[in-house]
Structures are given as structure tokens and as C-alpha cells.
Amino acid sequence: ELEVKQATVDDLVAHVEVRGSDDAAAAMIKGDARMAEVLRRAVRAHVTLPTEPCVVVRGSRRWRVPAYELAEIV
């Protein structure tokens, strides 16, 4: 990678306006390690095996990744 930039979370959200805040109960639930497991399961439940190739376009170049290779990755 020749053009990779590193950034902290603060750098990524510095321009985002905070529009609200959680009450103590919500903050406690969101900060609980069990919430990470709930989110992991929710995300994994929506990951499916690909049925068609993925085409990545960058400028005038196109890369095609066959579905069987994507299935190995997923």
C-alpha cells in the first residue's frame, strides 16, 4: 500500500456534530461487553455466501473475483 493513511477514531469523527447523549442506563448497556456479542451475532446473521462474482472498479481497471473465491473468504 503506497497511499495508506493512519487515523485515530477521534480523527475520523472530529467533524461529526454530536446531536445527543445517552442516559446512564443506555450508556451502561452499550458499554457492556455482552453488547459486543449481541452485535456480532446480528452482523453474522446477515452475512451470506456470494452467488455471483464481485467486480471492483478503480479508474479504468476492473478486477473480477469469482463467487467461489469469495465463498472461501467469507
PDB file of N, CA and C in Angstrom:
ATOM      1  N   GLU A   1       0.848  -1.178   0.000  1.00  0.00           N
ATOM      2  CA  GLU A   1       0.000   0.000   0.000  1.00  0.00           C
ATOM      3  C   GLU A   1       0.889   1.236   0.000  1.00  0.00           C
ATOM      4  N   LEU A   2       0.698   2.059  -0.975  1.00  0.00           N
ATOM      5  CA  LEU A   2       1.512   3.261  -1.067  1.00  0.00           C
ATOM      6  C   LEU A   2       0.802   4.500  -0.542  1.00  0.00           C
ATOM      7  N   GLU A   3      -0.515   4.463  -0.510  1.00  0.00           N
ATOM      8  CA  GLU A   3      -1.258   5.654  -0.132  1.00  0.00           C
ATOM      9  C   GLU A   3      -2.146   5.427   1.087  1.00  0.00           C
ATOM     10  N   VAL A   4      -1.680   4.640   2.027  1.00  0.00           N
ATOM     11  CA  VAL A   4      -2.461   4.365   3.225  1.00  0.00           C
ATOM     12  C   VAL A   4      -2.210   5.463   4.245  1.00  0.00           C
ATOM     13  N   LYS A   5      -3.293   5.951   4.826  1.00  0.00           N
ATOM     14  CA  LYS A   5      -3.185   6.955   5.879  1.00  0.00           C
ATOM     15  C   LYS A   5      -3.709   6.351   7.162  1.00  0.00           C
ATOM     16  N   GLN A   6      -3.009   6.609   8.250  1.00  0.00           N
ATOM     17  CA  GLN A   6      -3.474   6.132   9.541  1.00  0.00           C
ATOM     18  C   GLN A   6      -4.255   7.242  10.221  1.00  0.00           C
ATOM     19  N   ALA A   7      -5.290   6.855  10.949  1.00  0.00           N
ATOM     20  CA  ALA A   7      -6.105   7.836  11.660  1.00  0.00           C
ATOM     21  C   ALA A   7      -6.653   7.200  12.929  1.00  0.00           C
ATOM     22  N   THR A   8      -6.810   8.018  13.941  1.00  0.00           N
ATOM     23  CA  THR A   8      -7.441   7.551  15.168  1.00  0.00           C
ATOM     24  C   THR A   8      -8.949   7.693  15.021  1.00  0.00           C
ATOM     25  N   VAL A   9      -9.685   7.091  15.919  1.00  0.00           N
ATOM     26  CA  VAL A   9     -11.143   7.251  15.903  1.00  0.00           C
ATOM     27  C   VAL A   9     -11.489   8.726  16.054  1.00  0.00           C
ATOM     28  N   ASP A  10     -10.785   9.429  16.929  1.00  0.00           N
ATOM     29  CA  ASP A  10     -11.031  10.870  17.102  1.00  0.00           C
ATOM     30  C   ASP A  10     -10.845  11.625  15.791  1.00  0.00           C
ATOM     31  N   ASP A  11      -9.824  11.266  15.021  1.00  0.00           N
ATOM     32  CA  ASP A  11      -9.601  11.922  13.725  1.00  0.00           C
ATOM     33  C   ASP A  11     -10.773  11.679  12.777  1.00  0.00           C
ATOM     34  N   LEU A  12     -11.305  10.474  12.802  1.00  0.00           N
ATOM     35  CA  LEU A  12     -12.374  10.106  11.878  1.00  0.00           C
ATOM     36  C   LEU A  12     -13.693  10.799  12.189  1.00  0.00           C
ATOM     37  N   VAL A  13     -13.934  11.076  13.451  1.00  0.00           N
ATOM     38  CA  VAL A  13     -15.229  11.662  13.827  1.00  0.00           C
ATOM     39  C   VAL A  13     -15.130  13.109  14.288  1.00  0.00           C
ATOM     40  N   ALA A  14     -13.970  13.712  14.144  1.00  0.00           N
ATOM     41  CA  ALA A  14     -13.780  15.081  14.631  1.00  0.00           C
ATOM     42  C   ALA A  14     -14.746  16.068  13.989  1.00  0.00           C
ATOM     43  N   HIS A  15     -15.133  15.847  12.750  1.00  0.00           N
ATOM     44  CA  HIS A  15     -16.011  16.775  12.037  1.00  0.00           C
ATOM     45  C   HIS A  15     -17.493  16.471  12.245  1.00  0.00           C
ATOM     46  N   VAL A  16     -17.794  15.387  12.967  1.00  0.00           N
ATOM     47  CA  VAL A  16     -19.184  14.983  13.181  1.00  0.00           C
ATOM     48  C   VAL A  16     -19.745  15.714  14.400  1.00  0.00           C
ATOM     49  N   GLU A  17     -20.884  16.345  14.210  1.00  0.00           N
ATOM     50  CA  GLU A  17     -21.523  17.077  15.303  1.00  0.00           C
ATOM     51  C   GLU A  17     -22.255  16.101  16.223  1.00  0.00           C
ATOM     52  N   VAL A  18     -22.023  16.234  17.516  1.00  0.00           N
ATOM     53  CA  VAL A  18     -22.727  15.414  18.498  1.00  0.00           C
ATOM     54  C   VAL A  18     -24.118  15.997  18.661  1.00  0.00           C
ATOM     55  N   ARG A  19     -25.141  15.173  18.431  1.00  0.00           N
ATOM     56  CA  ARG A  19     -26.511  15.680  18.461  1.00  0.00           C
ATOM     57  C   ARG A  19     -27.311  15.155  19.641  1.00  0.00           C
ATOM     58  N   GLY A  20     -26.731  14.341  20.457  1.00  0.00           N
ATOM     59  CA  GLY A  20     -27.477  13.811  21.594  1.00  0.00           C
ATOM     60  C   GLY A  20     -26.567  13.035  22.510  1.00  0.00           C
ATOM     61  N   SER A  21     -27.135  12.552  23.586  1.00  0.00           N
ATOM     62  CA  SER A  21     -26.357  11.736  24.512  1.00  0.00           C
ATOM     63  C   SER A  21     -27.277  10.687  25.124  1.00  0.00           C
ATOM     64  N   ASP A  22     -26.684   9.602  25.557  1.00  0.00           N
ATOM     65  CA  ASP A  22     -27.437   8.516  26.170  1.00  0.00           C
ATOM     66  C   ASP A  22     -27.616   8.779  27.654  1.00  0.00           C
ATOM     67  N   ASP A  23     -28.713   8.278  28.189  1.00  0.00           N
ATOM     68  CA  ASP A  23     -28.847   8.340  29.642  1.00  0.00           C
ATOM     69  C   ASP A  23     -27.932   7.270  30.235  1.00  0.00           C
ATOM     70  N   ALA A  24     -27.794   7.265  31.535  1.00  0.00           N
ATOM     71  CA  ALA A  24     -26.848   6.363  32.200  1.00  0.00           C
ATOM     72  C   ALA A  24     -27.166   4.893  31.920  1.00  0.00           C
ATOM     73  N   ALA A  25     -28.445   4.541  31.905  1.00  0.00           N
ATOM     74  CA  ALA A  25     -28.823   3.139  31.681  1.00  0.00           C
ATOM     75  C   ALA A  25     -28.432   2.680  30.278  1.00  0.00           C
ATOM     76  N   ALA A  26     -28.704   3.512  29.270  1.00  0.00           N
ATOM     77  CA  ALA A  26     -28.348   3.158  27.894  1.00  0.00           C
ATOM     78  C   ALA A  26     -26.836   3.077  27.733  1.00  0.00           C
ATOM     79  N   ALA A  27     -26.121   4.021  28.320  1.00  0.00           N
ATOM     80  CA  ALA A  27     -24.658   4.014  28.237  1.00  0.00           C
ATOM     81  C   ALA A  27     -24.090   2.756  28.884  1.00  0.00           C
ATOM     82  N   MET A  28     -24.703   2.326  29.977  1.00  0.00           N
ATOM     83  CA  MET A  28     -24.229   1.135  30.670  1.00  0.00           C
ATOM     84  C   MET A  28     -24.430  -0.111  29.797  1.00  0.00           C
ATOM     85  N   ILE A  29     -25.585  -0.202  29.150  1.00  0.00           N
ATOM     86  CA  ILE A  29     -25.857  -1.347  28.274  1.00  0.00           C
ATOM     87  C   ILE A  29     -24.911  -1.342  27.078  1.00  0.00           C
ATOM     88  N   LYS A  30     -24.735  -0.186  26.448  1.00  0.00           N
ATOM     89  CA  LYS A  30     -23.867  -0.095  25.270  1.00  0.00           C
ATOM     90  C   LYS A  30     -22.414  -0.373  25.612  1.00  0.00           C
ATOM     91  N   GLY A  31     -22.010  -0.057  26.825  1.00  0.00           N
ATOM     92  CA  GLY A  31     -20.627  -0.276  27.238  1.00  0.00           C
ATOM     93  C   GLY A  31     -20.356  -1.677  27.751  1.00  0.00           C
ATOM     94  N   ASP A  32     -21.392  -2.470  27.907  1.00  0.00           N
ATOM     95  CA  ASP A  32     -21.251  -3.824  28.430  1.00  0.00           C
ATOM     96  C   ASP A  32     -20.658  -4.734  27.346  1.00  0.00           C
ATOM     97  N   ALA A  33     -19.724  -5.575  27.726  1.00  0.00           N
ATOM     98  CA  ALA A  33     -19.078  -6.485  26.769  1.00  0.00           C
ATOM     99  C   ALA A  33     -20.085  -7.427  26.116  1.00  0.00           C
ATOM    100  N   ARG A  34     -21.186  -7.714  26.794  1.00  0.00           N
ATOM    101  CA  ARG A  34     -22.197  -8.599  26.208  1.00  0.00           C
ATOM    102  C   ARG A  34     -22.834  -7.974  24.973  1.00  0.00           C
ATOM    103  N   MET A  35     -22.853  -6.631  24.922  1.00  0.00           N
ATOM    104  CA  MET A  35     -23.427  -5.956  23.756  1.00  0.00           C
ATOM    105  C   MET A  35     -22.600  -6.260  22.508  1.00  0.00           C
ATOM    106  N   ALA A  36     -21.294  -6.382  22.663  1.00  0.00           N
ATOM    107  CA  ALA A  36     -20.437  -6.720  21.519  1.00  0.00           C
ATOM    108  C   ALA A  36     -20.841  -8.077  20.942  1.00  0.00           C
ATOM    109  N   GLU A  37     -21.178  -9.020  21.805  1.00  0.00           N
ATOM    110  CA  GLU A  37     -21.603 -10.339  21.336  1.00  0.00           C
ATOM    111  C   GLU A  37     -22.952 -10.259  20.628  1.00  0.00           C
ATOM    112  N   VAL A  38     -23.862  -9.460  21.149  1.00  0.00           N
ATOM    113  CA  VAL A  38     -25.168  -9.269  20.504  1.00  0.00           C
ATOM    114  C   VAL A  38     -24.971  -8.697  19.104  1.00  0.00           C
ATOM    115  N   LEU A  39     -24.118  -7.684  18.982  1.00  0.00           N
ATOM    116  CA  LEU A  39     -23.859  -7.060  17.687  1.00  0.00           C
ATOM    117  C   LEU A  39     -23.159  -8.023  16.732  1.00  0.00           C
ATOM    118  N   ARG A  40     -22.215  -8.791  17.254  1.00  0.00           N
ATOM    119  CA  ARG A  40     -21.507  -9.769  16.416  1.00  0.00           C
ATOM    120  C   ARG A  40     -22.496 -10.768  15.820  1.00  0.00           C
ATOM    121  N   ARG A  41     -23.394 -11.268  16.651  1.00  0.00           N
ATOM    122  CA  ARG A  41     -24.385 -12.236  16.163  1.00  0.00           C
ATOM    123  C   ARG A  41     -25.315 -11.605  15.134  1.00  0.00           C
ATOM    124  N   ALA A  42     -25.716 -10.363  15.378  1.00  0.00           N
ATOM    125  CA  ALA A  42     -26.623  -9.684  14.446  1.00  0.00           C
ATOM    126  C   ALA A  42     -25.960  -9.493  13.086  1.00  0.00           C
ATOM    127  N   VAL A  43     -24.693  -9.095  13.085  1.00  0.00           N
ATOM    128  CA  VAL A  43     -23.974  -8.891  11.822  1.00  0.00           C
ATOM    129  C   VAL A  43     -23.773 -10.225  11.112  1.00  0.00           C
ATOM    130  N   ARG A  44     -23.324 -11.235  11.844  1.00  0.00           N
ATOM    131  CA  ARG A  44     -23.076 -12.553  11.236  1.00  0.00           C
ATOM    132  C   ARG A  44     -24.343 -13.160  10.649  1.00  0.00           C
ATOM    133  N   ALA A  45     -25.487 -12.862  11.256  1.00  0.00           N
ATOM    134  CA  ALA A  45     -26.750 -13.415  10.772  1.00  0.00           C
ATOM    135  C   ALA A  45     -27.098 -12.891   9.382  1.00  0.00           C
ATOM    136  N   HIS A  46     -26.495 -11.773   8.987  1.00  0.00           N
ATOM    137  CA  HIS A  46     -26.804 -11.180   7.688  1.00  0.00           C
ATOM    138  C   HIS A  46     -25.725 -11.424   6.636  1.00  0.00           C
ATOM    139  N   VAL A  47     -24.662 -12.129   7.014  1.00  0.00           N
ATOM    140  CA  VAL A  47     -23.606 -12.461   6.059  1.00  0.00           C
ATOM    141  C   VAL A  47     -24.011 -13.745   5.342  1.00  0.00           C
ATOM    142  N   THR A  48     -24.055 -13.688   4.023  1.00  0.00           N
ATOM    143  CA  THR A  48     -24.425 -14.864   3.241  1.00  0.00           C
ATOM    144  C   THR A  48     -23.325 -15.175   2.229  1.00  0.00           C
ATOM    145  N   LEU A  49     -23.336 -16.391   1.755  1.00  0.00           N
ATOM    146  CA  LEU A  49     -22.361 -16.764   0.737  1.00  0.00           C
ATOM    147  C   LEU A  49     -22.716 -16.073  -0.577  1.00  0.00           C
ATOM    148  N   PRO A  50     -21.717 -15.593  -1.281  1.00  0.00           N
ATOM    149  CA  PRO A  50     -21.973 -14.904  -2.548  1.00  0.00           C
ATOM    150  C   PRO A  50     -22.473 -15.870  -3.617  1.00  0.00           C
ATOM    151  N   THR A  51     -23.315 -15.350  -4.487  1.00  0.00           N
ATOM    152  CA  THR A  51     -23.847 -16.169  -5.579  1.00  0.00           C
ATOM    153  C   THR A  51     -23.353 -15.695  -6.939  1.00  0.00           C
ATOM    154  N   GLU A  52     -22.693 -14.569  -6.961  1.00  0.00           N
ATOM    155  CA  GLU A  52     -22.170 -14.048  -8.227  1.00  0.00           C
ATOM    156  C   GLU A  52     -20.825 -13.380  -7.962  1.00  0.00           C
ATOM    157  N   PRO A  53     -20.027 -13.172  -8.991  1.00  0.00           N
ATOM    158  CA  PRO A  53     -18.712 -12.568  -8.792  1.00  0.00           C
ATOM    159  C   PRO A  53     -18.820 -11.120  -8.331  1.00  0.00           C
ATOM    160  N   CYS A  54     -17.762 -10.678  -7.704  1.00  0.00           N
ATOM    161  CA  CYS A  54     -17.670  -9.287  -7.263  1.00  0.00           C
ATOM    162  C   CYS A  54     -16.725  -8.571  -8.228  1.00  0.00           C
ATOM    163  N   VAL A  55     -17.143  -7.418  -8.700  1.00  0.00           N
ATOM    164  CA  VAL A  55     -16.307  -6.640  -9.608  1.00  0.00           C
ATOM    165  C   VAL A  55     -15.878  -5.367  -8.886  1.00  0.00           C
ATOM    166  N   VAL A  56     -14.578  -5.172  -8.813  1.00  0.00           N
ATOM    167  CA  VAL A  56     -14.022  -3.977  -8.182  1.00  0.00           C
ATOM    168  C   VAL A  56     -13.489  -3.084  -9.292  1.00  0.00           C
ATOM    169  N   VAL A  57     -13.967  -1.854  -9.338  1.00  0.00           N
ATOM    170  CA  VAL A  57     -13.556  -0.913 -10.378  1.00  0.00           C
ATOM    171  C   VAL A  57     -12.733   0.188  -9.735  1.00  0.00           C
ATOM    172  N   ARG A  58     -11.593   0.446 -10.328  1.00  0.00           N
ATOM    173  CA  ARG A  58     -10.762   1.563  -9.882  1.00  0.00           C
ATOM    174  C   ARG A  58     -10.193   2.218 -11.122  1.00  0.00           C
ATOM    175  N   GLY A  59     -10.698   3.408 -11.411  1.00  0.00           N
ATOM    176  CA  GLY A  59     -10.275   4.082 -12.626  1.00  0.00           C
ATOM    177  C   GLY A  59     -10.704   3.269 -13.831  1.00  0.00           C
ATOM    178  N   SER A  60      -9.767   2.992 -14.716  1.00  0.00           N
ATOM    179  CA  SER A  60     -10.093   2.222 -15.922  1.00  0.00           C
ATOM    180  C   SER A  60      -9.874   0.718 -15.724  1.00  0.00           C
ATOM    181  N   ARG A  61      -9.459   0.320 -14.535  1.00  0.00           N
ATOM    182  CA  ARG A  61      -9.198  -1.100 -14.273  1.00  0.00           C
ATOM    183  C   ARG A  61     -10.384  -1.756 -13.582  1.00  0.00           C
ATOM    184  N   ARG A  62     -10.574  -3.039 -13.877  1.00  0.00           N
ATOM    185  CA  ARG A  62     -11.646  -3.822 -13.261  1.00  0.00           C
ATOM    186  C   ARG A  62     -11.061  -5.153 -12.795  1.00  0.00           C
ATOM    187  N   TRP A  63     -11.333  -5.496 -11.566  1.00  0.00           N
ATOM    188  CA  TRP A  63     -10.928  -6.792 -11.038  1.00  0.00           C
ATOM    189  C   TRP A  63     -12.181  -7.594 -10.747  1.00  0.00           C
ATOM    190  N   ARG A  64     -12.209  -8.815 -11.238  1.00  0.00           N
ATOM    191  CA  ARG A  64     -13.366  -9.697 -11.007  1.00  0.00           C
ATOM    192  C   ARG A  64     -12.912 -10.823 -10.084  1.00  0.00           C
ATOM    193  N   VAL A  65     -13.611 -10.949  -8.961  1.00  0.00           N
ATOM    194  CA  VAL A  65     -13.326 -12.031  -8.016  1.00  0.00           C
ATOM    195  C   VAL A  65     -14.474 -13.035  -8.126  1.00  0.00           C
ATOM    196  N   PRO A  66     -14.177 -14.256  -8.555  1.00  0.00           N
ATOM    197  CA  PRO A  66     -15.237 -15.254  -8.734  1.00  0.00           C
ATOM    198  C   PRO A  66     -15.945 -15.581  -7.413  1.00  0.00           C
ATOM    199  N   ALA A  67     -17.208 -15.970  -7.510  1.00  0.00           N
ATOM    200  CA  ALA A  67     -18.015 -16.273  -6.325  1.00  0.00           C
ATOM    201  C   ALA A  67     -17.377 -17.365  -5.470  1.00  0.00           C
ATOM    202  N   TYR A  68     -16.768 -18.375  -6.107  1.00  0.00           N
ATOM    203  CA  TYR A  68     -16.172 -19.455  -5.316  1.00  0.00           C
ATOM    204  C   TYR A  68     -15.001 -18.950  -4.469  1.00  0.00           C
ATOM    205  N   GLU A  69     -14.249 -17.967  -4.968  1.00  0.00           N
ATOM    206  CA  GLU A  69     -13.162 -17.396  -4.175  1.00  0.00           C
ATOM    207  C   GLU A  69     -13.723 -16.550  -3.037  1.00  0.00           C
ATOM    208  N   LEU A  70     -14.779 -15.803  -3.312  1.00  0.00           N
ATOM    209  CA  LEU A  70     -15.424 -15.023  -2.260  1.00  0.00           C
ATOM    210  C   LEU A  70     -15.956 -15.937  -1.165  1.00  0.00           C
ATOM    211  N   ALA A  71     -16.525 -17.073  -1.560  1.00  0.00           N
ATOM    212  CA  ALA A  71     -17.057 -18.024  -0.580  1.00  0.00           C
ATOM    213  C   ALA A  71     -15.953 -18.533   0.339  1.00  0.00           C
ATOM    214  N   GLU A  72     -14.757 -18.730  -0.203  1.00  0.00           N
ATOM    215  CA  GLU A  72     -13.632 -19.175   0.623  1.00  0.00           C
ATOM    216  C   GLU A  72     -13.248 -18.110   1.642  1.00  0.00           C
ATOM    217  N   ILE A  73     -13.370 -16.846   1.258  1.00  0.00           N
ATOM    218  CA  ILE A  73     -13.015 -15.736   2.145  1.00  0.00           C
ATOM    219  C   ILE A  73     -14.050 -15.578   3.248  1.00  0.00           C
ATOM    220  N   VAL A  74     -15.327 -15.640   2.845  1.00  0.00           N
ATOM    221  CA  VAL A  74     -16.415 -15.447   3.804  1.00  0.00           C
ATOM    222  C   VAL A  74     -16.479 -16.642   4.724  1.00  0.00           C
TER     223      VAL A  74
END
